[in-house]
Amino acid sequence: ARTFTATLQPLDTAIPDPAVVVLIGAAGSGKSTFASTWNPSQVL
């Protein structure tokens, strides 16, 4: 389970393991902040 609190509303979701999580969006939208909740070796 990952919980991420953004400026609009919290995101609370279960992500299976293993999984591929693709974060696509504008610069400054919070992708890297959300990605930082994973182990650095898992983030490309």
PDB file of all heavy atoms in Angstrom:
ATOM      1  N   ALA A   1       0.846  -1.193   0.000  1.00  0.00           N
ATOM      2  CA  ALA A   1       0.000   0.000   0.000  1.00  0.00           C
ATOM      3  C   ALA A   1       0.876   1.235   0.000  1.00  0.00           C
ATOM      4  O   ALA A   1       1.868   1.310   0.708  1.00  0.00           O
ATOM      5  CB  ALA A   1      -0.912   0.007   1.204  1.00  0.00           C
ATOM      6  N   ARG A   2       0.530   2.190  -0.815  1.00  0.00           N
ATOM      7  CA  ARG A   2       1.245   3.463  -0.881  1.00  0.00           C
ATOM      8  C   ARG A   2       0.246   4.564  -0.600  1.00  0.00           C
ATOM      9  O   ARG A   2      -0.855   4.558  -1.125  1.00  0.00           O
ATOM     10  CB  ARG A   2       1.837   3.695  -2.277  1.00  0.00           C
ATOM     11  CG  ARG A   2       2.824   2.659  -2.705  1.00  0.00           C
ATOM     12  CD  ARG A   2       4.160   2.970  -2.123  1.00  0.00           C
ATOM     13  NE  ARG A   2       5.099   1.959  -2.570  1.00  0.00           N
ATOM     14  CZ  ARG A   2       6.224   1.719  -1.978  1.00  0.00           C
ATOM     15  NH1 ARG A   2       6.577   2.407  -0.934  1.00  0.00           N
ATOM     16  NH2 ARG A   2       7.029   0.797  -2.414  1.00  0.00           N
ATOM     17  N   THR A   3       0.611   5.509   0.199  1.00  0.00           N
ATOM     18  CA  THR A   3      -0.227   6.673   0.435  1.00  0.00           C
ATOM     19  C   THR A   3       0.572   7.901   0.053  1.00  0.00           C
ATOM     20  O   THR A   3       1.699   8.070   0.470  1.00  0.00           O
ATOM     21  CB  THR A   3      -0.649   6.758   1.918  1.00  0.00           C
ATOM     22  OG1 THR A   3      -1.341   5.570   2.251  1.00  0.00           O
ATOM     23  CG2 THR A   3      -1.555   7.956   2.148  1.00  0.00           C
ATOM     24  N   PHE A   4      -0.016   8.743  -0.743  1.00  0.00           N
ATOM     25  CA  PHE A   4       0.637   9.945  -1.226  1.00  0.00           C
ATOM     26  C   PHE A   4      -0.345  11.092  -1.075  1.00  0.00           C
ATOM     27  O   PHE A   4      -1.456  11.036  -1.591  1.00  0.00           O
ATOM     28  CB  PHE A   4       1.042   9.774  -2.688  1.00  0.00           C
ATOM     29  CG  PHE A   4       1.682  10.988  -3.291  1.00  0.00           C
ATOM     30  CD1 PHE A   4       2.952  11.378  -2.908  1.00  0.00           C
ATOM     31  CD2 PHE A   4       1.018  11.739  -4.235  1.00  0.00           C
ATOM     32  CE1 PHE A   4       3.560  12.491  -3.464  1.00  0.00           C
ATOM     33  CE2 PHE A   4       1.615  12.851  -4.792  1.00  0.00           C
ATOM     34  CZ  PHE A   4       2.886  13.228  -4.404  1.00  0.00           C
ATOM     35  N   THR A   5       0.026  12.127  -0.378  1.00  0.00           N
ATOM     36  CA  THR A   5      -0.847  13.266  -0.190  1.00  0.00           C
ATOM     37  C   THR A   5      -0.408  14.379  -1.127  1.00  0.00           C
ATOM     38  O   THR A   5       0.681  14.913  -0.997  1.00  0.00           O
ATOM     39  CB  THR A   5      -0.806  13.758   1.270  1.00  0.00           C
ATOM     40  OG1 THR A   5      -1.151  12.663   2.108  1.00  0.00           O
ATOM     41  CG2 THR A   5      -1.792  14.881   1.491  1.00  0.00           C
ATOM     42  N   ALA A   6      -1.233  14.668  -2.081  1.00  0.00           N
ATOM     43  CA  ALA A   6      -0.952  15.730  -3.049  1.00  0.00           C
ATOM     44  C   ALA A   6      -1.723  16.978  -2.616  1.00  0.00           C
ATOM     45  O   ALA A   6      -2.340  17.004  -1.558  1.00  0.00           O
ATOM     46  CB  ALA A   6      -1.380  15.285  -4.436  1.00  0.00           C
ATOM     47  N   THR A   7      -1.714  17.976  -3.460  1.00  0.00           N
ATOM     48  CA  THR A   7      -2.400  19.210  -3.110  1.00  0.00           C
ATOM     49  C   THR A   7      -3.913  19.071  -3.217  1.00  0.00           C
ATOM     50  O   THR A   7      -4.643  19.809  -2.584  1.00  0.00           O
ATOM     51  CB  THR A   7      -1.930  20.359  -4.017  1.00  0.00           C
ATOM     52  OG1 THR A   7      -2.124  19.975  -5.373  1.00  0.00           O
ATOM     53  CG2 THR A   7      -0.478  20.683  -3.766  1.00  0.00           C
ATOM     54  N   LEU A   8      -4.397  18.110  -3.995  1.00  0.00           N
ATOM     55  CA  LEU A   8      -5.837  17.991  -4.188  1.00  0.00           C
ATOM     56  C   LEU A   8      -6.485  16.995  -3.235  1.00  0.00           C
ATOM     57  O   LEU A   8      -7.434  17.294  -2.553  1.00  0.00           O
ATOM     58  CB  LEU A   8      -6.146  17.596  -5.638  1.00  0.00           C
ATOM     59  CG  LEU A   8      -5.700  18.604  -6.699  1.00  0.00           C
ATOM     60  CD1 LEU A   8      -5.995  18.073  -8.093  1.00  0.00           C
ATOM     61  CD2 LEU A   8      -6.424  19.924  -6.485  1.00  0.00           C
ATOM     62  N   GLN A   9      -5.994  15.761  -3.211  1.00  0.00           N
ATOM     63  CA  GLN A   9      -6.589  14.734  -2.363  1.00  0.00           C
ATOM     64  C   GLN A   9      -5.591  13.601  -2.169  1.00  0.00           C
ATOM     65  O   GLN A   9      -4.686  13.424  -2.974  1.00  0.00           O
ATOM     66  CB  GLN A   9      -7.872  14.208  -2.990  1.00  0.00           C
ATOM     67  CG  GLN A   9      -7.672  13.559  -4.350  1.00  0.00           C
ATOM     68  CD  GLN A   9      -8.978  13.168  -4.998  1.00  0.00           C
ATOM     69  OE1 GLN A   9     -10.018  13.225  -4.387  1.00  0.00           O
ATOM     70  NE2 GLN A   9      -8.923  12.777  -6.246  1.00  0.00           N
ATOM     71  N   PRO A  10      -5.739  12.829  -1.091  1.00  0.00           N
ATOM     72  CA  PRO A  10      -4.810  11.714  -0.878  1.00  0.00           C
ATOM     73  C   PRO A  10      -5.079  10.581  -1.866  1.00  0.00           C
ATOM     74  O   PRO A  10      -6.197  10.364  -2.298  1.00  0.00           O
ATOM     75  CB  PRO A  10      -5.097  11.284   0.557  1.00  0.00           C
ATOM     76  CG  PRO A  10      -6.465  11.779   0.844  1.00  0.00           C
ATOM     77  CD  PRO A  10      -6.676  13.007  -0.005  1.00  0.00           C
ATOM     78  N   LEU A  11      -4.000   9.908  -2.231  1.00  0.00           N
ATOM     79  CA  LEU A  11      -4.094   8.741  -3.096  1.00  0.00           C
ATOM     80  C   LEU A  11      -3.739   7.533  -2.243  1.00  0.00           C
ATOM     81  O   LEU A  11      -2.659   7.467  -1.682  1.00  0.00           O
ATOM     82  CB  LEU A  11      -3.104   8.867  -4.263  1.00  0.00           C
ATOM     83  CG  LEU A  11      -2.934   7.663  -5.166  1.00  0.00           C
ATOM     84  CD1 LEU A  11      -4.239   7.384  -5.910  1.00  0.00           C
ATOM     85  CD2 LEU A  11      -1.814   7.902  -6.153  1.00  0.00           C
ATOM     86  N   ASP A  12      -4.652   6.619  -2.094  1.00  0.00           N
ATOM     87  CA  ASP A  12      -4.416   5.424  -1.295  1.00  0.00           C
ATOM     88  C   ASP A  12      -4.807   4.234  -2.150  1.00  0.00           C
ATOM     89  O   ASP A  12      -5.973   4.054  -2.473  1.00  0.00           O
ATOM     90  CB  ASP A  12      -5.227   5.472  -0.004  1.00  0.00           C
ATOM     91  CG  ASP A  12      -4.877   4.333   0.935  1.00  0.00           C
ATOM     92  OD1 ASP A  12      -3.908   3.608   0.656  1.00  0.00           O
ATOM     93  OD2 ASP A  12      -5.580   4.173   1.944  1.00  0.00           O
ATOM     94  N   THR A  13      -3.824   3.461  -2.561  1.00  0.00           N
ATOM     95  CA  THR A  13      -4.094   2.351  -3.458  1.00  0.00           C
ATOM     96  C   THR A  13      -3.174   1.192  -3.139  1.00  0.00           C
ATOM     97  O   THR A  13      -2.079   1.383  -2.628  1.00  0.00           O
ATOM     98  CB  THR A  13      -3.935   2.795  -4.932  1.00  0.00           C
ATOM     99  OG1 THR A  13      -4.334   1.734  -5.772  1.00  0.00           O
ATOM    100  CG2 THR A  13      -2.511   3.185  -5.240  1.00  0.00           C
ATOM    101  N   ALA A  14      -3.619   0.005  -3.440  1.00  0.00           N
ATOM    102  CA  ALA A  14      -2.781  -1.178  -3.270  1.00  0.00           C
ATOM    103  C   ALA A  14      -2.161  -1.514  -4.618  1.00  0.00           C
ATOM    104  O   ALA A  14      -2.857  -1.576  -5.627  1.00  0.00           O
ATOM    105  CB  ALA A  14      -3.617  -2.335  -2.762  1.00  0.00           C
ATOM    106  N   ILE A  15      -0.867  -1.709  -4.634  1.00  0.00           N
ATOM    107  CA  ILE A  15      -0.154  -2.054  -5.859  1.00  0.00           C
ATOM    108  C   ILE A  15       0.424  -3.448  -5.667  1.00  0.00           C
ATOM    109  O   ILE A  15       1.134  -3.688  -4.689  1.00  0.00           O
ATOM    110  CB  ILE A  15       0.953  -1.022  -6.154  1.00  0.00           C
ATOM    111  CG1 ILE A  15       0.315   0.344  -6.385  1.00  0.00           C
ATOM    112  CG2 ILE A  15       1.789  -1.453  -7.352  1.00  0.00           C
ATOM    113  CD1 ILE A  15       1.292   1.478  -6.507  1.00  0.00           C
ATOM    114  N   PRO A  16       0.116  -4.364  -6.573  1.00  0.00           N
ATOM    115  CA  PRO A  16       0.625  -5.732  -6.407  1.00  0.00           C
ATOM    116  C   PRO A  16       2.146  -5.772  -6.549  1.00  0.00           C
ATOM    117  O   PRO A  16       2.755  -4.859  -7.085  1.00  0.00           O
ATOM    118  CB  PRO A  16      -0.055  -6.500  -7.541  1.00  0.00           C
ATOM    119  CG  PRO A  16      -0.395  -5.474  -8.557  1.00  0.00           C
ATOM    120  CD  PRO A  16      -0.634  -4.197  -7.807  1.00  0.00           C
ATOM    121  N   ASP A  17       2.724  -6.841  -6.041  1.00  0.00           N
ATOM    122  CA  ASP A  17       4.164  -7.022  -6.151  1.00  0.00           C
ATOM    123  C   ASP A  17       4.405  -8.393  -6.762  1.00  0.00           C
ATOM    124  O   ASP A  17       3.973  -9.387  -6.171  1.00  0.00           O
ATOM    125  CB  ASP A  17       4.807  -6.919  -4.776  1.00  0.00           C
ATOM    126  CG  ASP A  17       6.321  -6.899  -4.827  1.00  0.00           C
ATOM    127  OD1 ASP A  17       6.867  -6.535  -5.882  1.00  0.00           O
ATOM    128  OD2 ASP A  17       6.952  -7.232  -3.815  1.00  0.00           O
ATOM    129  N   PRO A  18       4.977  -8.500  -7.919  1.00  0.00           N
ATOM    130  CA  PRO A  18       5.626  -7.431  -8.680  1.00  0.00           C
ATOM    131  C   PRO A  18       4.633  -6.622  -9.510  1.00  0.00           C
ATOM    132  O   PRO A  18       3.530  -7.071  -9.795  1.00  0.00           O
ATOM    133  CB  PRO A  18       6.585  -8.190  -9.595  1.00  0.00           C
ATOM    134  CG  PRO A  18       5.901  -9.489  -9.852  1.00  0.00           C
ATOM    135  CD  PRO A  18       5.174  -9.814  -8.556  1.00  0.00           C
ATOM    136  N   ALA A  19       5.077  -5.441  -9.903  1.00  0.00           N
ATOM    137  CA  ALA A  19       4.270  -4.552 -10.727  1.00  0.00           C
ATOM    138  C   ALA A  19       5.182  -3.606 -11.494  1.00  0.00           C
ATOM    139  O   ALA A  19       6.324  -3.388 -11.103  1.00  0.00           O
ATOM    140  CB  ALA A  19       3.316  -3.738  -9.863  1.00  0.00           C
ATOM    141  N   VAL A  20       4.647  -3.049 -12.562  1.00  0.00           N
ATOM    142  CA  VAL A  20       5.305  -1.948 -13.259  1.00  0.00           C
ATOM    143  C   VAL A  20       4.398  -0.739 -13.061  1.00  0.00           C
ATOM    144  O   VAL A  20       3.224  -0.769 -13.420  1.00  0.00           O
ATOM    145  CB  VAL A  20       5.502  -2.228 -14.762  1.00  0.00           C
ATOM    146  CG1 VAL A  20       6.068  -1.002 -15.459  1.00  0.00           C
ATOM    147  CG2 VAL A  20       6.400  -3.431 -14.967  1.00  0.00           C
ATOM    148  N   VAL A  21       4.946   0.293 -12.449  1.00  0.00           N
ATOM    149  CA  VAL A  21       4.211   1.523 -12.203  1.00  0.00           C
ATOM    150  C   VAL A  21       4.814   2.577 -13.126  1.00  0.00           C
ATOM    151  O   VAL A  21       6.011   2.855 -13.054  1.00  0.00           O
ATOM    152  CB  VAL A  21       4.342   1.956 -10.727  1.00  0.00           C
ATOM    153  CG1 VAL A  21       3.600   3.263 -10.476  1.00  0.00           C
ATOM    154  CG2 VAL A  21       3.862   0.854  -9.801  1.00  0.00           C
ATOM    155  N   VAL A  22       3.996   3.141 -14.007  1.00  0.00           N
ATOM    156  CA  VAL A  22       4.480   4.137 -14.963  1.00  0.00           C
ATOM    157  C   VAL A  22       3.907   5.490 -14.571  1.00  0.00           C
ATOM    158  O   VAL A  22       2.691   5.674 -14.546  1.00  0.00           O
ATOM    159  CB  VAL A  22       4.082   3.766 -16.411  1.00  0.00           C
ATOM    160  CG1 VAL A  22       4.608   4.803 -17.392  1.00  0.00           C
ATOM    161  CG2 VAL A  22       4.599   2.370 -16.763  1.00  0.00           C
ATOM    162  N   LEU A  23       4.801   6.410 -14.252  1.00  0.00           N
ATOM    163  CA  LEU A  23       4.411   7.764 -13.859  1.00  0.00           C
ATOM    164  C   LEU A  23       4.725   8.699 -15.020  1.00  0.00           C
ATOM    165  O   LEU A  23       5.884   8.939 -15.334  1.00  0.00           O
ATOM    166  CB  LEU A  23       5.184   8.192 -12.601  1.00  0.00           C
ATOM    167  CG  LEU A  23       5.078   7.244 -11.406  1.00  0.00           C
ATOM    168  CD1 LEU A  23       6.006   7.707 -10.287  1.00  0.00           C
ATOM    169  CD2 LEU A  23       3.644   7.155 -10.925  1.00  0.00           C
ATOM    170  N   ILE A  24       3.685   9.203 -15.653  1.00  0.00           N
ATOM    171  CA  ILE A  24       3.827  10.094 -16.808  1.00  0.00           C
ATOM    172  C   ILE A  24       3.088  11.385 -16.489  1.00  0.00           C
ATOM    173  O   ILE A  24       1.948  11.352 -16.026  1.00  0.00           O
ATOM    174  CB  ILE A  24       3.201   9.462 -18.080  1.00  0.00           C
ATOM    175  CG1 ILE A  24       3.829   8.104 -18.388  1.00  0.00           C
ATOM    176  CG2 ILE A  24       3.313  10.408 -19.269  1.00  0.00           C
ATOM    177  CD1 ILE A  24       5.265   8.145 -18.818  1.00  0.00           C
ATOM    178  N   GLY A  25       3.716  12.518 -16.730  1.00  0.00           N
ATOM    179  CA  GLY A  25       3.041  13.785 -16.491  1.00  0.00           C
ATOM    180  C   GLY A  25       3.993  14.954 -16.631  1.00  0.00           C
ATOM    181  O   GLY A  25       5.185  14.792 -16.850  1.00  0.00           O
ATOM    182  N   ALA A  26       3.433  16.115 -16.483  1.00  0.00           N
ATOM    183  CA  ALA A  26       4.192  17.353 -16.643  1.00  0.00           C
ATOM    184  C   ALA A  26       5.258  17.485 -15.566  1.00  0.00           C
ATOM    185  O   ALA A  26       5.130  16.944 -14.468  1.00  0.00           O
ATOM    186  CB  ALA A  26       3.240  18.551 -16.572  1.00  0.00           C
ATOM    187  N   ALA A  27       6.314  18.209 -15.906  1.00  0.00           N
ATOM    188  CA  ALA A  27       7.359  18.500 -14.926  1.00  0.00           C
ATOM    189  C   ALA A  27       6.731  19.226 -13.740  1.00  0.00           C
ATOM    190  O   ALA A  27       5.875  20.092 -13.910  1.00  0.00           O
ATOM    191  CB  ALA A  27       8.433  19.371 -15.574  1.00  0.00           C
ATOM    192  N   GLY A  28       7.126  18.834 -12.543  1.00  0.00           N
ATOM    193  CA  GLY A  28       6.619  19.485 -11.341  1.00  0.00           C
ATOM    194  C   GLY A  28       5.274  18.967 -10.868  1.00  0.00           C
ATOM    195  O   GLY A  28       4.695  19.521  -9.931  1.00  0.00           O
ATOM    196  N   SER A  29       4.758  17.894 -11.468  1.00  0.00           N
ATOM    197  CA  SER A  29       3.435  17.395 -11.093  1.00  0.00           C
ATOM    198  C   SER A  29       3.454  16.417  -9.925  1.00  0.00           C
ATOM    199  O   SER A  29       2.404  15.970  -9.483  1.00  0.00           O
ATOM    200  CB  SER A  29       2.756  16.748 -12.307  1.00  0.00           C
ATOM    201  OG  SER A  29       3.484  15.608 -12.731  1.00  0.00           O
ATOM    202  N   GLY A  30       4.639  16.057  -9.427  1.00  0.00           N
ATOM    203  CA  GLY A  30       4.722  15.178  -8.267  1.00  0.00           C
ATOM    204  C   GLY A  30       5.144  13.751  -8.564  1.00  0.00           C
ATOM    205  O   GLY A  30       5.174  12.911  -7.664  1.00  0.00           O
ATOM    206  N   LYS A  31       5.488  13.466  -9.812  1.00  0.00           N
ATOM    207  CA  LYS A  31       5.891  12.101 -10.184  1.00  0.00           C
ATOM    208  C   LYS A  31       7.099  11.632  -9.381  1.00  0.00           C
ATOM    209  O   LYS A  31       7.079  10.540  -8.802  1.00  0.00           O
ATOM    210  CB  LYS A  31       6.240  12.017 -11.682  1.00  0.00           C
ATOM    211  CG  LYS A  31       5.130  12.342 -12.626  1.00  0.00           C
ATOM    212  CD  LYS A  31       5.600  12.317 -14.057  1.00  0.00           C
ATOM    213  CE  LYS A  31       6.796  13.168 -14.357  1.00  0.00           C
ATOM    214  NZ  LYS A  31       6.658  14.589 -14.135  1.00  0.00           N
ATOM    215  N   SER A  32       8.130  12.427  -9.354  1.00  0.00           N
ATOM    216  CA  SER A  32       9.358  12.037  -8.661  1.00  0.00           C
ATOM    217  C   SER A  32       9.159  11.963  -7.155  1.00  0.00           C
ATOM    218  O   SER A  32       9.752  11.109  -6.479  1.00  0.00           O
ATOM    219  CB  SER A  32      10.503  12.987  -9.001  1.00  0.00           C
ATOM    220  OG  SER A  32      10.800  12.898 -10.382  1.00  0.00           O
ATOM    221  N   THR A  33       8.315  12.817  -6.617  1.00  0.00           N
ATOM    222  CA  THR A  33       8.013  12.761  -5.187  1.00  0.00           C
ATOM    223  C   THR A  33       7.315  11.445  -4.860  1.00  0.00           C
ATOM    224  O   THR A  33       7.658  10.773  -3.881  1.00  0.00           O
ATOM    225  CB  THR A  33       7.129  13.959  -4.775  1.00  0.00           C
ATOM    226  OG1 THR A  33       7.835  15.162  -5.072  1.00  0.00           O
ATOM    227  CG2 THR A  33       6.788  13.917  -3.297  1.00  0.00           C
ATOM    228  N   PHE A  34       6.353  11.061  -5.682  1.00  0.00           N
ATOM    229  CA  PHE A  34       5.662   9.783  -5.482  1.00  0.00           C
ATOM    230  C   PHE A  34       6.638   8.623  -5.679  1.00  0.00           C
ATOM    231  O   PHE A  34       6.658   7.670  -4.900  1.00  0.00           O
ATOM    232  CB  PHE A  34       4.478   9.680  -6.440  1.00  0.00           C
ATOM    233  CG  PHE A  34       3.587   8.492  -6.208  1.00  0.00           C
ATOM    234  CD1 PHE A  34       3.207   8.114  -4.927  1.00  0.00           C
ATOM    235  CD2 PHE A  34       3.106   7.764  -7.275  1.00  0.00           C
ATOM    236  CE1 PHE A  34       2.369   7.019  -4.712  1.00  0.00           C
ATOM    237  CE2 PHE A  34       2.275   6.667  -7.074  1.00  0.00           C
ATOM    238  CZ  PHE A  34       1.900   6.293  -5.793  1.00  0.00           C
ATOM    239  N   ALA A  35       7.479   8.704  -6.702  1.00  0.00           N
ATOM    240  CA  ALA A  35       8.455   7.631  -6.971  1.00  0.00           C
ATOM    241  C   ALA A  35       9.422   7.467  -5.806  1.00  0.00           C
ATOM    242  O   ALA A  35       9.906   6.363  -5.544  1.00  0.00           O
ATOM    243  CB  ALA A  35       9.217   7.924  -8.260  1.00  0.00           C
ATOM    244  N   SER A  36       9.685   8.545  -5.082  1.00  0.00           N
ATOM    245  CA  SER A  36      10.646   8.479  -3.975  1.00  0.00           C
ATOM    246  C   SER A  36      10.140   7.634  -2.806  1.00  0.00           C
ATOM    247  O   SER A  36      10.901   7.340  -1.885  1.00  0.00           O
ATOM    248  CB  SER A  36      11.012   9.884  -3.493  1.00  0.00           C
ATOM    249  OG  SER A  36       9.931  10.471  -2.793  1.00  0.00           O
ATOM    250  N   THR A  37       8.891   7.202  -2.834  1.00  0.00           N
ATOM    251  CA  THR A  37       8.373   6.336  -1.775  1.00  0.00           C
ATOM    252  C   THR A  37       8.788   4.883  -2.002  1.00  0.00           C
ATOM    253  O   THR A  37       8.560   4.049  -1.138  1.00  0.00           O
ATOM    254  CB  THR A  37       6.836   6.432  -1.648  1.00  0.00           C
ATOM    255  OG1 THR A  37       6.213   5.932  -2.826  1.00  0.00           O
ATOM    256  CG2 THR A  37       6.405   7.875  -1.387  1.00  0.00           C
ATOM    257  N   TRP A  38       9.390   4.594  -3.157  1.00  0.00           N
ATOM    258  CA  TRP A  38       9.909   3.251  -3.446  1.00  0.00           C
ATOM    259  C   TRP A  38      11.413   3.223  -3.197  1.00  0.00           C
ATOM    260  O   TRP A  38      12.082   4.259  -3.164  1.00  0.00           O
ATOM    261  CB  TRP A  38       9.651   2.882  -4.910  1.00  0.00           C
ATOM    262  CG  TRP A  38       8.319   2.263  -5.148  1.00  0.00           C
ATOM    263  CD1 TRP A  38       7.996   0.935  -5.074  1.00  0.00           C
ATOM    264  CD2 TRP A  38       7.110   2.928  -5.537  1.00  0.00           C
ATOM    265  NE1 TRP A  38       6.671   0.762  -5.370  1.00  0.00           N
ATOM    266  CE2 TRP A  38       6.099   1.967  -5.661  1.00  0.00           C
ATOM    267  CE3 TRP A  38       6.790   4.262  -5.774  1.00  0.00           C
ATOM    268  CZ2 TRP A  38       4.806   2.267  -6.022  1.00  0.00           C
ATOM    269  CZ3 TRP A  38       5.491   4.575  -6.128  1.00  0.00           C
ATOM    270  CH2 TRP A  38       4.521   3.588  -6.249  1.00  0.00           C
ATOM    271  N   ASN A  39      11.948   2.033  -3.104  1.00  0.00           N
ATOM    272  CA  ASN A  39      13.391   1.829  -2.987  1.00  0.00           C
ATOM    273  C   ASN A  39      14.051   2.436  -4.230  1.00  0.00           C
ATOM    274  O   ASN A  39      13.587   2.192  -5.348  1.00  0.00           O
ATOM    275  CB  ASN A  39      13.659   0.326  -2.898  1.00  0.00           C
ATOM    276  CG  ASN A  39      15.106  -0.001  -2.695  1.00  0.00           C
ATOM    277  OD1 ASN A  39      15.988   0.620  -3.266  1.00  0.00           O
ATOM    278  ND2 ASN A  39      15.347  -0.990  -1.878  1.00  0.00           N
ATOM    279  N   PRO A  40      15.118   3.198  -4.095  1.00  0.00           N
ATOM    280  CA  PRO A  40      15.760   3.827  -5.258  1.00  0.00           C
ATOM    281  C   PRO A  40      16.154   2.837  -6.361  1.00  0.00           C
ATOM    282  O   PRO A  40      16.145   3.193  -7.537  1.00  0.00           O
ATOM    283  CB  PRO A  40      16.995   4.504  -4.671  1.00  0.00           C
ATOM    284  CG  PRO A  40      16.636   4.767  -3.253  1.00  0.00           C
ATOM    285  CD  PRO A  40      15.757   3.603  -2.831  1.00  0.00           C
ATOM    286  N   SER A  41      16.470   1.598  -6.003  1.00  0.00           N
ATOM    287  CA  SER A  41      16.848   0.620  -7.028  1.00  0.00           C
ATOM    288  C   SER A  41      15.663   0.215  -7.890  1.00  0.00           C
ATOM    289  O   SER A  41      15.838  -0.345  -8.975  1.00  0.00           O
ATOM    290  CB  SER A  41      17.465  -0.625  -6.388  1.00  0.00           C
ATOM    291  OG  SER A  41      16.495  -1.326  -5.629  1.00  0.00           O
ATOM    292  N   GLN A  42      14.452   0.518  -7.455  1.00  0.00           N
ATOM    293  CA  GLN A  42      13.251   0.164  -8.209  1.00  0.00           C
ATOM    294  C   GLN A  42      12.800   1.274  -9.156  1.00  0.00           C
ATOM    295  O   GLN A  42      11.916   1.056  -9.972  1.00  0.00           O
ATOM    296  CB  GLN A  42      12.096  -0.150  -7.239  1.00  0.00           C
ATOM    297  CG  GLN A  42      12.338  -1.383  -6.395  1.00  0.00           C
ATOM    298  CD  GLN A  42      11.223  -1.596  -5.406  1.00  0.00           C
ATOM    299  OE1 GLN A  42      10.906  -0.714  -4.601  1.00  0.00           O
ATOM    300  NE2 GLN A  42      10.612  -2.766  -5.456  1.00  0.00           N
ATOM    301  N   VAL A  43      13.388   2.446  -9.048  1.00  0.00           N
ATOM    302  CA  VAL A  43      12.926   3.612  -9.808  1.00  0.00           C
ATOM    303  C   VAL A  43      13.836   3.872 -11.007  1.00  0.00           C
ATOM    304  O   VAL A  43      15.045   4.034 -10.862  1.00  0.00           O
ATOM    305  CB  VAL A  43      12.863   4.865  -8.910  1.00  0.00           C
ATOM    306  CG1 VAL A  43      12.401   6.079  -9.711  1.00  0.00           C
ATOM    307  CG2 VAL A  43      11.935   4.615  -7.719  1.00  0.00           C
ATOM    308  N   LEU A  44      13.234   3.911 -12.182  1.00  0.00           N
ATOM    309  CA  LEU A  44      13.951   4.254 -13.414  1.00  0.00           C
ATOM    310  C   LEU A  44      13.485   5.648 -13.831  1.00  0.00           C
ATOM    311  O   LEU A  44      12.337   5.841 -14.211  1.00  0.00           O
ATOM    312  CB  LEU A  44      13.654   3.246 -14.522  1.00  0.00           C
ATOM    313  CG  LEU A  44      13.918   1.777 -14.203  1.00  0.00           C
ATOM    314  CD1 LEU A  44      13.617   0.915 -15.419  1.00  0.00           C
ATOM    315  CD2 LEU A  44      15.334   1.574 -13.730  1.00  0.00           C
TER     316      LEU A  44
END
